[in-house]
């Protein structure tokens, strides 16, 4: 009602042992994995690829993420 869309945040351990991924199939997944290539077999919308990122103008280390968007041409 407030206009927010729920999302599930987790890593491969949570996906494997804590979540029932079939029940979560209708929700976007925000996946945290700091390896060079994501290690999950599941689809995800956001990939948090580091917790040690930097952004000009922001003090300290940050999590950095990318969002994957489906288009008519494929995934961006």
PDB file of N, CA and C in Angstrom:
ATOM      1  N   UNK A   1       0.808  -1.203   0.000  1.00  0.00           N
ATOM      2  CA  UNK A   1       0.000   0.000   0.000  1.00  0.00           C
ATOM      3  C   UNK A   1       0.848   1.262   0.000  1.00  0.00           C
ATOM      4  N   UNK A   2       2.036   1.190   0.589  1.00  0.00           N
ATOM      5  CA  UNK A   2       2.909   2.356   0.684  1.00  0.00           C
ATOM      6  C   UNK A   2       3.736   2.561  -0.578  1.00  0.00           C
ATOM      7  N   UNK A   3       3.622   1.651  -1.553  1.00  0.00           N
ATOM      8  CA  UNK A   3       4.350   1.815  -2.791  1.00  0.00           C
ATOM      9  C   UNK A   3       5.727   1.163  -2.804  1.00  0.00           C
ATOM     10  N   UNK A   4       6.034   0.409  -1.781  1.00  0.00           N
ATOM     11  CA  UNK A   4       7.328  -0.272  -1.734  1.00  0.00           C
ATOM     12  C   UNK A   4       7.212  -1.671  -2.329  1.00  0.00           C
ATOM     13  N   UNK A   5       8.274  -2.119  -2.957  1.00  0.00           N
ATOM     14  CA  UNK A   5       8.311  -3.481  -3.480  1.00  0.00           C
ATOM     15  C   UNK A   5       9.248  -4.296  -2.599  1.00  0.00           C
ATOM     16  N   UNK A   6       8.779  -5.402  -2.024  1.00  0.00           N
ATOM     17  CA  UNK A   6       9.673  -6.220  -1.195  1.00  0.00           C
ATOM     18  C   UNK A   6      10.739  -6.891  -2.044  1.00  0.00           C
ATOM     19  N   UNK A   7      11.877  -7.158  -1.406  1.00  0.00           N
ATOM     20  CA  UNK A   7      13.006  -7.810  -2.061  1.00  0.00           C
ATOM     21  C   UNK A   7      13.657  -8.718  -1.019  1.00  0.00           C
ATOM     22  N   UNK A   8      14.247  -9.800  -1.465  1.00  0.00           N
ATOM     23  CA  UNK A   8      14.918 -10.731  -0.566  1.00  0.00           C
ATOM     24  C   UNK A   8      16.424 -10.517  -0.686  1.00  0.00           C
ATOM     25  N   UNK A   9      17.085 -10.297   0.459  1.00  0.00           N
ATOM     26  CA  UNK A   9      18.530 -10.118   0.503  1.00  0.00           C
ATOM     27  C   UNK A   9      19.144 -11.376   1.090  1.00  0.00           C
ATOM     28  N   UNK A  10      20.200 -11.882   0.447  1.00  0.00           N
ATOM     29  CA  UNK A  10      20.860 -13.055   0.995  1.00  0.00           C
ATOM     30  C   UNK A  10      22.125 -13.402   0.239  1.00  0.00           C
ATOM     31  N   UNK A  11      22.772 -14.451   0.712  1.00  0.00           N
ATOM     32  CA  UNK A  11      23.970 -14.971   0.060  1.00  0.00           C
ATOM     33  C   UNK A  11      23.741 -16.445  -0.265  1.00  0.00           C
ATOM     34  N   UNK A  12      24.751 -17.102  -0.784  1.00  0.00           N
ATOM     35  CA  UNK A  12      24.576 -18.487  -1.218  1.00  0.00           C
ATOM     36  C   UNK A  12      24.238 -19.410  -0.046  1.00  0.00           C
ATOM     37  N   UNK A  13      24.814 -19.184   1.118  1.00  0.00           N
ATOM     38  CA  UNK A  13      24.513 -20.019   2.285  1.00  0.00           C
ATOM     39  C   UNK A  13      23.047 -19.878   2.661  1.00  0.00           C
ATOM     40  N   UNK A  14      22.550 -18.650   2.704  1.00  0.00           N
ATOM     41  CA  UNK A  14      21.141 -18.444   3.046  1.00  0.00           C
ATOM     42  C   UNK A  14      20.246 -19.086   2.007  1.00  0.00           C
ATOM     43  N   UNK A  15      20.588 -18.897   0.720  1.00  0.00           N
ATOM     44  CA  UNK A  15      19.772 -19.491  -0.344  1.00  0.00           C
ATOM     45  C   UNK A  15      19.761 -21.013  -0.243  1.00  0.00           C
ATOM     46  N   UNK A  16      20.877 -21.603   0.133  1.00  0.00           N
ATOM     47  CA  UNK A  16      20.985 -23.061   0.183  1.00  0.00           C
ATOM     48  C   UNK A  16      20.352 -23.670   1.429  1.00  0.00           C
ATOM     49  N   UNK A  17      20.467 -22.989   2.582  1.00  0.00           N
ATOM     50  CA  UNK A  17      20.081 -23.625   3.837  1.00  0.00           C
ATOM     51  C   UNK A  17      18.965 -22.927   4.616  1.00  0.00           C
ATOM     52  N   UNK A  18      18.694 -21.678   4.341  1.00  0.00           N
ATOM     53  CA  UNK A  18      17.712 -20.934   5.127  1.00  0.00           C
ATOM     54  C   UNK A  18      16.414 -20.638   4.375  1.00  0.00           C
ATOM     55  N   UNK A  19      16.527 -20.369   3.080  1.00  0.00           N
ATOM     56  CA  UNK A  19      15.365 -19.951   2.296  1.00  0.00           C
ATOM     57  C   UNK A  19      14.780 -21.115   1.520  1.00  0.00           C
ATOM     58  N   UNK A  20      13.478 -21.059   1.301  1.00  0.00           N
ATOM     59  CA  UNK A  20      12.830 -21.940   0.331  1.00  0.00           C
ATOM     60  C   UNK A  20      12.715 -21.106  -0.945  1.00  0.00           C
ATOM     61  N   UNK A  21      13.655 -21.265  -1.851  1.00  0.00           N
ATOM     62  CA  UNK A  21      13.738 -20.416  -3.027  1.00  0.00           C
ATOM     63  C   UNK A  21      12.520 -20.561  -3.935  1.00  0.00           C
ATOM     64  N   UNK A  22      11.850 -21.706  -3.921  1.00  0.00           N
ATOM     65  CA  UNK A  22      10.629 -21.861  -4.725  1.00  0.00           C
ATOM     66  C   UNK A  22       9.546 -20.918  -4.217  1.00  0.00           C
ATOM     67  N   UNK A  23       9.432 -20.762  -2.896  1.00  0.00           N
ATOM     68  CA  UNK A  23       8.421 -19.857  -2.340  1.00  0.00           C
ATOM     69  C   UNK A  23       8.762 -18.394  -2.595  1.00  0.00           C
ATOM     70  N   UNK A  24      10.024 -18.103  -2.826  1.00  0.00           N
ATOM     71  CA  UNK A  24      10.468 -16.725  -3.053  1.00  0.00           C
ATOM     72  C   UNK A  24      10.572 -16.365  -4.530  1.00  0.00           C
ATOM     73  N   UNK A  25      10.129 -17.254  -5.398  1.00  0.00           N
ATOM     74  CA  UNK A  25      10.292 -17.071  -6.846  1.00  0.00           C
ATOM     75  C   UNK A  25       9.654 -15.781  -7.363  1.00  0.00           C
ATOM     76  N   UNK A  26       8.650 -15.260  -6.714  1.00  0.00           N
ATOM     77  CA  UNK A  26       7.986 -14.050  -7.182  1.00  0.00           C
ATOM     78  C   UNK A  26       8.646 -12.759  -6.727  1.00  0.00           C
ATOM     79  N   UNK A  27       9.711 -12.853  -5.940  1.00  0.00           N
ATOM     80  CA  UNK A  27      10.364 -11.663  -5.395  1.00  0.00           C
ATOM     81  C   UNK A  27      11.722 -11.441  -6.045  1.00  0.00           C
ATOM     82  N   UNK A  28      12.098 -10.184  -6.246  1.00  0.00           N
ATOM     83  CA  UNK A  28      13.453  -9.919  -6.717  1.00  0.00           C
ATOM     84  C   UNK A  28      14.454 -10.326  -5.633  1.00  0.00           C
ATOM     85  N   UNK A  29      15.612 -10.826  -6.058  1.00  0.00           N
ATOM     86  CA  UNK A  29      16.661 -11.247  -5.130  1.00  0.00           C
ATOM     87  C   UNK A  29      17.824 -10.274  -5.211  1.00  0.00           C
ATOM     88  N   UNK A  30      18.274  -9.838  -4.050  1.00  0.00           N
ATOM     89  CA  UNK A  30      19.469  -9.009  -3.917  1.00  0.00           C
ATOM     90  C   UNK A  30      20.528  -9.940  -3.339  1.00  0.00           C
ATOM     91  N   UNK A  31      21.459 -10.342  -4.166  1.00  0.00           N
ATOM     92  CA  UNK A  31      22.415 -11.396  -3.848  1.00  0.00           C
ATOM     93  C   UNK A  31      23.778 -10.811  -3.487  1.00  0.00           C
ATOM     94  N   UNK A  32      24.306 -11.190  -2.332  1.00  0.00           N
ATOM     95  CA  UNK A  32      25.623 -10.732  -1.886  1.00  0.00           C
ATOM     96  C   UNK A  32      26.638 -11.843  -2.084  1.00  0.00           C
ATOM     97  N   UNK A  33      27.679 -11.551  -2.853  1.00  0.00           N
ATOM     98  CA  UNK A  33      28.741 -12.520  -3.113  1.00  0.00           C
ATOM     99  C   UNK A  33      29.970 -11.750  -3.567  1.00  0.00           C
ATOM    100  N   UNK A  34      31.053 -11.881  -2.844  1.00  0.00           N
ATOM    101  CA  UNK A  34      32.246 -11.075  -3.105  1.00  0.00           C
ATOM    102  C   UNK A  34      33.293 -11.814  -3.931  1.00  0.00           C
ATOM    103  N   UNK A  35      32.897 -12.881  -4.578  1.00  0.00           N
ATOM    104  CA  UNK A  35      33.782 -13.586  -5.503  1.00  0.00           C
ATOM    105  C   UNK A  35      33.799 -12.846  -6.849  1.00  0.00           C
ATOM    106  N   UNK A  36      34.730 -13.206  -7.716  1.00  0.00           N
ATOM    107  CA  UNK A  36      34.837 -12.557  -9.031  1.00  0.00           C
ATOM    108  C   UNK A  36      33.635 -12.842  -9.915  1.00  0.00           C
ATOM    109  N   UNK A  37      33.003 -13.998  -9.700  1.00  0.00           N
ATOM    110  CA  UNK A  37      31.814 -14.409 -10.448  1.00  0.00           C
ATOM    111  C   UNK A  37      30.793 -14.910  -9.432  1.00  0.00           C
ATOM    112  N   UNK A  38      29.528 -14.509  -9.529  1.00  0.00           N
ATOM    113  CA  UNK A  38      28.520 -14.986  -8.573  1.00  0.00           C
ATOM    114  C   UNK A  38      28.454 -16.513  -8.534  1.00  0.00           C
ATOM    115  N   UNK A  39      28.321 -17.067  -7.331  1.00  0.00           N
ATOM    116  CA  UNK A  39      28.370 -18.508  -7.133  1.00  0.00           C
ATOM    117  C   UNK A  39      26.997 -19.172  -7.031  1.00  0.00           C
ATOM    118  N   UNK A  40      25.936 -18.432  -7.195  1.00  0.00           N
ATOM    119  CA  UNK A  40      24.593 -18.978  -6.992  1.00  0.00           C
ATOM    120  C   UNK A  40      24.012 -19.580  -8.268  1.00  0.00           C
ATOM    121  N   UNK A  41      23.217 -20.640  -8.137  1.00  0.00           N
ATOM    122  CA  UNK A  41      22.506 -21.162  -9.304  1.00  0.00           C
ATOM    123  C   UNK A  41      21.167 -20.454  -9.540  1.00  0.00           C
ATOM    124  N   UNK A  42      20.786 -19.565  -8.626  1.00  0.00           N
ATOM    125  CA  UNK A  42      19.486 -18.904  -8.697  1.00  0.00           C
ATOM    126  C   UNK A  42      19.573 -17.560  -9.420  1.00  0.00           C
ATOM    127  N   UNK A  43      18.454 -17.127  -9.983  1.00  0.00           N
ATOM    128  CA  UNK A  43      18.379 -15.805 -10.605  1.00  0.00           C
ATOM    129  C   UNK A  43      18.437 -14.732  -9.528  1.00  0.00           C
ATOM    130  N   UNK A  44      18.991 -13.588  -9.875  1.00  0.00           N
ATOM    131  CA  UNK A  44      18.994 -12.451  -8.961  1.00  0.00           C
ATOM    132  C   UNK A  44      18.906 -11.168  -9.765  1.00  0.00           C
ATOM    133  N   UNK A  45      18.397 -10.121  -9.124  1.00  0.00           N
ATOM    134  CA  UNK A  45      18.214  -8.821  -9.760  1.00  0.00           C
ATOM    135  C   UNK A  45      19.366  -7.880  -9.435  1.00  0.00           C
ATOM    136  N   UNK A  46      19.807  -7.899  -8.188  1.00  0.00           N
ATOM    137  CA  UNK A  46      20.933  -7.087  -7.741  1.00  0.00           C
ATOM    138  C   UNK A  46      22.062  -8.006  -7.308  1.00  0.00           C
ATOM    139  N   UNK A  47      23.295  -7.600  -7.587  1.00  0.00           N
ATOM    140  CA  UNK A  47      24.471  -8.313  -7.109  1.00  0.00           C
ATOM    141  C   UNK A  47      25.318  -7.338  -6.305  1.00  0.00           C
ATOM    142  N   UNK A  48      25.442  -7.606  -5.021  1.00  0.00           N
ATOM    143  CA  UNK A  48      26.348  -6.854  -4.154  1.00  0.00           C
ATOM    144  C   UNK A  48      27.702  -7.540  -4.264  1.00  0.00           C
ATOM    145  N   UNK A  49      28.638  -6.906  -4.966  1.00  0.00           N
ATOM    146  CA  UNK A  49      29.889  -7.577  -5.309  1.00  0.00           C
ATOM    147  C   UNK A  49      31.072  -7.201  -4.429  1.00  0.00           C
ATOM    148  N   UNK A  50      30.906  -6.209  -3.564  1.00  0.00           N
ATOM    149  CA  UNK A  50      31.965  -5.864  -2.617  1.00  0.00           C
ATOM    150  C   UNK A  50      31.387  -5.097  -1.449  1.00  0.00           C
ATOM    151  N   UNK A  51      32.077  -5.174  -0.333  1.00  0.00           N
ATOM    152  CA  UNK A  51      31.761  -4.352   0.836  1.00  0.00           C
ATOM    153  C   UNK A  51      32.889  -3.354   1.101  1.00  0.00           C
ATOM    154  N   UNK A  52      33.811  -3.280   0.164  1.00  0.00           N
ATOM    155  CA  UNK A  52      34.986  -2.426   0.325  1.00  0.00           C
ATOM    156  C   UNK A  52      35.136  -1.439  -0.823  1.00  0.00           C
ATOM    157  N   UNK A  53      34.015  -0.929  -1.310  1.00  0.00           N
ATOM    158  CA  UNK A  53      34.041   0.001  -2.419  1.00  0.00           C
ATOM    159  C   UNK A  53      34.197   1.433  -1.964  1.00  0.00           C
ATOM    160  N   UNK A  54      34.533   2.273  -2.913  1.00  0.00           N
ATOM    161  CA  UNK A  54      34.669   3.712  -2.665  1.00  0.00           C
ATOM    162  C   UNK A  54      33.912   4.483  -3.732  1.00  0.00           C
ATOM    163  N   UNK A  55      33.317   5.602  -3.321  1.00  0.00           N
ATOM    164  CA  UNK A  55      32.612   6.498  -4.233  1.00  0.00           C
ATOM    165  C   UNK A  55      33.080   7.916  -3.915  1.00  0.00           C
ATOM    166  N   UNK A  56      33.483   8.639  -4.936  1.00  0.00           N
ATOM    167  CA  UNK A  56      33.915  10.025  -4.738  1.00  0.00           C
ATOM    168  C   UNK A  56      32.837  10.802  -3.998  1.00  0.00           C
ATOM    169  N   UNK A  57      33.243  11.542  -2.985  1.00  0.00           N
ATOM    170  CA  UNK A  57      32.319  12.382  -2.234  1.00  0.00           C
ATOM    171  C   UNK A  57      31.677  11.689  -1.046  1.00  0.00           C
ATOM    172  N   UNK A  58      31.927  10.388  -0.883  1.00  0.00           N
ATOM    173  CA  UNK A  58      31.366   9.645   0.249  1.00  0.00           C
ATOM    174  C   UNK A  58      32.532   9.141   1.088  1.00  0.00           C
ATOM    175  N   UNK A  59      32.463   9.383   2.381  1.00  0.00           N
ATOM    176  CA  UNK A  59      33.556   8.997   3.269  1.00  0.00           C
ATOM    177  C   UNK A  59      33.434   7.534   3.684  1.00  0.00           C
ATOM    178  N   UNK A  60      34.536   6.815   3.652  1.00  0.00           N
ATOM    179  CA  UNK A  60      34.570   5.432   4.109  1.00  0.00           C
ATOM    180  C   UNK A  60      34.230   4.425   3.021  1.00  0.00           C
ATOM    181  N   UNK A  61      34.329   3.157   3.415  1.00  0.00           N
ATOM    182  CA  UNK A  61      34.032   2.077   2.479  1.00  0.00           C
ATOM    183  C   UNK A  61      32.528   1.847   2.383  1.00  0.00           C
ATOM    184  N   UNK A  62      32.104   1.377   1.205  1.00  0.00           N
ATOM    185  CA  UNK A  62      30.683   1.144   0.932  1.00  0.00           C
ATOM    186  C   UNK A  62      30.486  -0.218   0.281  1.00  0.00           C
ATOM    187  N   UNK A  63      29.265  -0.736   0.408  1.00  0.00           N
ATOM    188  CA  UNK A  63      28.861  -1.862  -0.424  1.00  0.00           C
ATOM    189  C   UNK A  63      28.633  -1.321  -1.829  1.00  0.00           C
ATOM    190  N   UNK A  64      29.055  -2.074  -2.849  1.00  0.00           N
ATOM    191  CA  UNK A  64      28.779  -1.704  -4.235  1.00  0.00           C
ATOM    192  C   UNK A  64      27.948  -2.804  -4.869  1.00  0.00           C
ATOM    193  N   UNK A  65      26.967  -2.384  -5.649  1.00  0.00           N
ATOM    194  CA  UNK A  65      26.013  -3.304  -6.251  1.00  0.00           C
ATOM    195  C   UNK A  65      25.807  -2.962  -7.721  1.00  0.00           C
ATOM    196  N   UNK A  66      25.340  -3.947  -8.471  1.00  0.00           N
ATOM    197  CA  UNK A  66      24.857  -3.707  -9.825  1.00  0.00           C
ATOM    198  C   UNK A  66      23.446  -4.282  -9.912  1.00  0.00           C
ATOM    199  N   UNK A  67      22.627  -3.653 -10.743  1.00  0.00           N
ATOM    200  CA  UNK A  67      21.271  -4.141 -10.993  1.00  0.00           C
ATOM    201  C   UNK A  67      21.194  -4.633 -12.423  1.00  0.00           C
ATOM    202  N   UNK A  68      20.575  -5.792 -12.596  1.00  0.00           N
ATOM    203  CA  UNK A  68      20.371  -6.367 -13.920  1.00  0.00           C
ATOM    204  C   UNK A  68      18.924  -6.136 -14.325  1.00  0.00           C
ATOM    205  N   UNK A  69      18.730  -5.593 -15.504  1.00  0.00           N
ATOM    206  CA  UNK A  69      17.390  -5.259 -15.996  1.00  0.00           C
ATOM    207  C   UNK A  69      17.106  -6.032 -17.277  1.00  0.00           C
ATOM    208  N   UNK A  70      15.943  -6.624 -17.350  1.00  0.00           N
ATOM    209  CA  UNK A  70      15.533  -7.329 -18.573  1.00  0.00           C
ATOM    210  C   UNK A  70      14.921  -6.316 -19.542  1.00  0.00           C
ATOM    211  N   UNK A  71      15.332  -6.409 -20.801  1.00  0.00           N
ATOM    212  CA  UNK A  71      14.792  -5.560 -21.850  1.00  0.00           C
ATOM    213  C   UNK A  71      14.395  -6.456 -23.011  1.00  0.00           C
ATOM    214  N   UNK A  72      13.826  -5.881 -24.050  1.00  0.00           N
ATOM    215  CA  UNK A  72      13.505  -6.650 -25.229  1.00  0.00           C
ATOM    216  C   UNK A  72      14.761  -7.210 -25.890  1.00  0.00           C
ATOM    217  N   UNK A  73      15.910  -6.543 -25.692  1.00  0.00           N
ATOM    218  CA  UNK A  73      17.163  -6.984 -26.292  1.00  0.00           C
ATOM    219  C   UNK A  73      17.904  -8.001 -25.411  1.00  0.00           C
ATOM    220  N   UNK A  74      17.426  -8.239 -24.219  1.00  0.00           N
ATOM    221  CA  UNK A  74      18.092  -9.154 -23.292  1.00  0.00           C
ATOM    222  C   UNK A  74      18.296  -8.488 -21.955  1.00  0.00           C
ATOM    223  N   UNK A  75      19.300  -8.938 -21.207  1.00  0.00           N
ATOM    224  CA  UNK A  75      19.579  -8.389 -19.895  1.00  0.00           C
ATOM    225  C   UNK A  75      20.657  -7.323 -20.024  1.00  0.00           C
ATOM    226  N   UNK A  76      20.417  -6.175 -19.381  1.00  0.00           N
ATOM    227  CA  UNK A  76      21.403  -5.085 -19.349  1.00  0.00           C
ATOM    228  C   UNK A  76      22.300  -5.248 -18.147  1.00  0.00           C
TER     229      UNK A  76
END
